[in-house]
C-alpha cells in the first residue's frame, strides 16, 4: 500500500495571523514589525490565491483589512493587519470635514 510522507493539508492551507494595527492610525506612527502587534486571531485559510483574496475578506468582525505580509517560506505564517472599522470611519469623516 502506498503512503504519503507529508500531510497534504500543509500544501493546501496557510496559517494566517490577524493583528490589530489600529494604534498606528490613532497615534500616526510608522508601521512596526508584524510580530509586535496584538494578535486578534489565528486561522488556517486555503493557500491558493490567498494574497488576492485577503483584501476583500472580513476576517474579524468590526475590523477592516489594511495590509498583509507574505511569508518568505511556506512554513511561516501570513500576517494580516486590520484596523477597527469605527476608528477608520471617524478618520474618514475627519478628513472629509477638513476638505469641505
C-alpha atoms as a PDB file:
ATOM      1  CA  UNK A   1       0.000   0.000   0.000  1.00  0.00           C
ATOM      2  CA  UNK A   2       1.311   3.482  -0.922  1.00  0.00           C
ATOM      3  CA  UNK A   3       1.988   6.012   1.808  1.00  0.00           C
ATOM      4  CA  UNK A   4       2.386   9.751   1.648  1.00  0.00           C
ATOM      5  CA  UNK A   5       5.312  11.105   3.591  1.00  0.00           C
ATOM      6  CA  UNK A   6       3.827  14.580   4.061  1.00  0.00           C
ATOM      7  CA  UNK A   7       0.478  15.922   5.232  1.00  0.00           C
ATOM      8  CA  UNK A   8      -1.450  17.096   2.177  1.00  0.00           C
ATOM      9  CA  UNK A   9      -3.279  19.816   4.137  1.00  0.00           C
ATOM     10  CA  UNK A  10       0.058  21.577   4.748  1.00  0.00           C
ATOM     11  CA  UNK A  11       0.361  22.211   0.999  1.00  0.00           C
ATOM     12  CA  UNK A  12      -3.212  23.472   0.688  1.00  0.00           C
ATOM     13  CA  UNK A  13      -3.589  25.619   3.807  1.00  0.00           C
ATOM     14  CA  UNK A  14      -1.626  28.563   5.174  1.00  0.00           C
ATOM     15  CA  UNK A  15      -1.547  29.801   8.745  1.00  0.00           C
ATOM     16  CA  UNK A  16      -2.821  33.381   8.925  1.00  0.00           C
ATOM     17  CA  UNK A  17      -2.199  35.629  11.930  1.00  0.00           C
ATOM     18  CA  UNK A  18      -4.524  38.637  12.122  1.00  0.00           C
ATOM     19  CA  UNK A  19      -3.048  41.588  14.030  1.00  0.00           C
ATOM     20  CA  UNK A  20      -4.607  44.868  15.184  1.00  0.00           C
ATOM     21  CA  UNK A  21      -2.778  47.872  13.685  1.00  0.00           C
ATOM     22  CA  UNK A  22      -5.328  50.478  14.824  1.00  0.00           C
ATOM     23  CA  UNK A  23      -2.811  52.225  17.099  1.00  0.00           C
ATOM     24  CA  UNK A  24      -0.661  53.116  14.091  1.00  0.00           C
ATOM     25  CA  UNK A  25      -3.529  55.255  12.808  1.00  0.00           C
ATOM     26  CA  UNK A  26      -4.605  56.709  16.145  1.00  0.00           C
ATOM     27  CA  UNK A  27      -1.035  57.722  17.033  1.00  0.00           C
ATOM     28  CA  UNK A  28       0.053  58.438  13.418  1.00  0.00           C
ATOM     29  CA  UNK A  29       3.080  56.187  13.773  1.00  0.00           C
ATOM     30  CA  UNK A  30       5.004  54.279  11.091  1.00  0.00           C
ATOM     31  CA  UNK A  31       4.408  50.514  10.949  1.00  0.00           C
ATOM     32  CA  UNK A  32       6.217  48.183  13.331  1.00  0.00           C
ATOM     33  CA  UNK A  33       7.413  44.645  12.600  1.00  0.00           C
ATOM     34  CA  UNK A  34       4.426  42.319  12.183  1.00  0.00           C
ATOM     35  CA  UNK A  35       5.050  40.269  15.302  1.00  0.00           C
ATOM     36  CA  UNK A  36       4.959  43.391  17.540  1.00  0.00           C
ATOM     37  CA  UNK A  37       1.202  43.910  17.121  1.00  0.00           C
ATOM     38  CA  UNK A  38      -1.520  42.387  19.321  1.00  0.00           C
ATOM     39  CA  UNK A  39      -2.888  39.196  17.786  1.00  0.00           C
ATOM     40  CA  UNK A  40      -6.662  39.166  17.307  1.00  0.00           C
ATOM     41  CA  UNK A  41      -6.955  35.720  15.774  1.00  0.00           C
ATOM     42  CA  UNK A  42      -5.062  32.887  14.143  1.00  0.00           C
ATOM     43  CA  UNK A  43      -6.670  30.766  11.446  1.00  0.00           C
ATOM     44  CA  UNK A  44      -5.913  28.484   8.508  1.00  0.00           C
ATOM     45  CA  UNK A  45      -7.019  29.548   5.020  1.00  0.00           C
ATOM     46  CA  UNK A  46      -6.637  27.998   1.556  1.00  0.00           C
ATOM     47  CA  UNK A  47      -3.174  28.887   0.255  1.00  0.00           C
ATOM     48  CA  UNK A  48      -4.243  29.196  -3.405  1.00  0.00           C
ATOM     49  CA  UNK A  49      -4.546  32.861  -4.448  1.00  0.00           C
ATOM     50  CA  UNK A  50      -4.532  33.959  -0.796  1.00  0.00           C
ATOM     51  CA  UNK A  51      -2.827  37.292  -1.445  1.00  0.00           C
ATOM     52  CA  UNK A  52      -5.612  38.322  -3.811  1.00  0.00           C
ATOM     53  CA  UNK A  53      -8.442  37.120  -1.557  1.00  0.00           C
ATOM     54  CA  UNK A  54      -7.337  38.809   1.676  1.00  0.00           C
ATOM     55  CA  UNK A  55      -8.203  42.449   0.808  1.00  0.00           C
ATOM     56  CA  UNK A  56     -11.823  41.530   0.061  1.00  0.00           C
ATOM     57  CA  UNK A  57     -12.351  39.270   3.072  1.00  0.00           C
ATOM     58  CA  UNK A  58     -13.694  40.115   6.507  1.00  0.00           C
ATOM     59  CA  UNK A  59     -11.510  38.083   8.828  1.00  0.00           C
ATOM     60  CA  UNK A  60     -12.567  39.671  12.130  1.00  0.00           C
ATOM     61  CA  UNK A  61     -15.979  41.293  12.633  1.00  0.00           C
ATOM     62  CA  UNK A  62     -15.691  45.048  13.197  1.00  0.00           C
ATOM     63  CA  UNK A  63     -12.250  45.339  11.569  1.00  0.00           C
ATOM     64  CA  UNK A  64     -11.203  46.367   8.066  1.00  0.00           C
ATOM     65  CA  UNK A  65      -8.309  44.964   6.047  1.00  0.00           C
ATOM     66  CA  UNK A  66      -5.239  47.219   5.940  1.00  0.00           C
ATOM     67  CA  UNK A  67      -2.263  45.172   4.706  1.00  0.00           C
ATOM     68  CA  UNK A  68      -0.804  41.683   4.531  1.00  0.00           C
ATOM     69  CA  UNK A  69       2.701  40.301   4.650  1.00  0.00           C
ATOM     70  CA  UNK A  70       3.534  37.273   2.526  1.00  0.00           C
ATOM     71  CA  UNK A  71       5.947  34.877   4.262  1.00  0.00           C
ATOM     72  CA  UNK A  72       9.342  34.164   2.727  1.00  0.00           C
ATOM     73  CA  UNK A  73       8.903  30.398   3.181  1.00  0.00           C
ATOM     74  CA  UNK A  74       5.814  28.191   3.160  1.00  0.00           C
ATOM     75  CA  UNK A  75       6.268  27.110   6.785  1.00  0.00           C
ATOM     76  CA  UNK A  76       5.922  30.675   8.130  1.00  0.00           C
ATOM     77  CA  UNK A  77       2.551  32.367   8.753  1.00  0.00           C
ATOM     78  CA  UNK A  78       0.970  35.140   6.741  1.00  0.00           C
ATOM     79  CA  UNK A  79       0.370  38.325   8.756  1.00  0.00           C
ATOM     80  CA  UNK A  80      -2.711  40.438   8.072  1.00  0.00           C
ATOM     81  CA  UNK A  81      -3.053  43.902   9.596  1.00  0.00           C
ATOM     82  CA  UNK A  82      -6.585  45.088  10.339  1.00  0.00           C
ATOM     83  CA  UNK A  83      -7.978  48.391  11.651  1.00  0.00           C
ATOM     84  CA  UNK A  84     -11.061  48.964  13.814  1.00  0.00           C
ATOM     85  CA  UNK A  85     -13.878  49.888  11.457  1.00  0.00           C
ATOM     86  CA  UNK A  86     -15.321  52.611  13.727  1.00  0.00           C
ATOM     87  CA  UNK A  87     -11.955  54.326  14.068  1.00  0.00           C
ATOM     88  CA  UNK A  88     -11.297  54.164  10.310  1.00  0.00           C
ATOM     89  CA  UNK A  89     -14.699  55.714   9.590  1.00  0.00           C
ATOM     90  CA  UNK A  90     -14.082  58.518  12.099  1.00  0.00           C
ATOM     91  CA  UNK A  91     -10.766  59.344  10.406  1.00  0.00           C
ATOM     92  CA  UNK A  92     -12.506  59.375   7.014  1.00  0.00           C
ATOM     93  CA  UNK A  93     -15.150  61.757   8.373  1.00  0.00           C
ATOM     94  CA  UNK A  94     -12.481  63.974   9.901  1.00  0.00           C
ATOM     95  CA  UNK A  95     -10.578  64.162   6.605  1.00  0.00           C
ATOM     96  CA  UNK A  96     -13.803  64.887   4.696  1.00  0.00           C
ATOM     97  CA  UNK A  97     -14.556  67.711   7.156  1.00  0.00           C
ATOM     98  CA  UNK A  98     -11.131  69.253   6.524  1.00  0.00           C
ATOM     99  CA  UNK A  99     -11.729  69.254   2.761  1.00  0.00           C
ATOM    100  CA  UNK A 100     -15.248  70.681   2.920  1.00  0.00           C
END
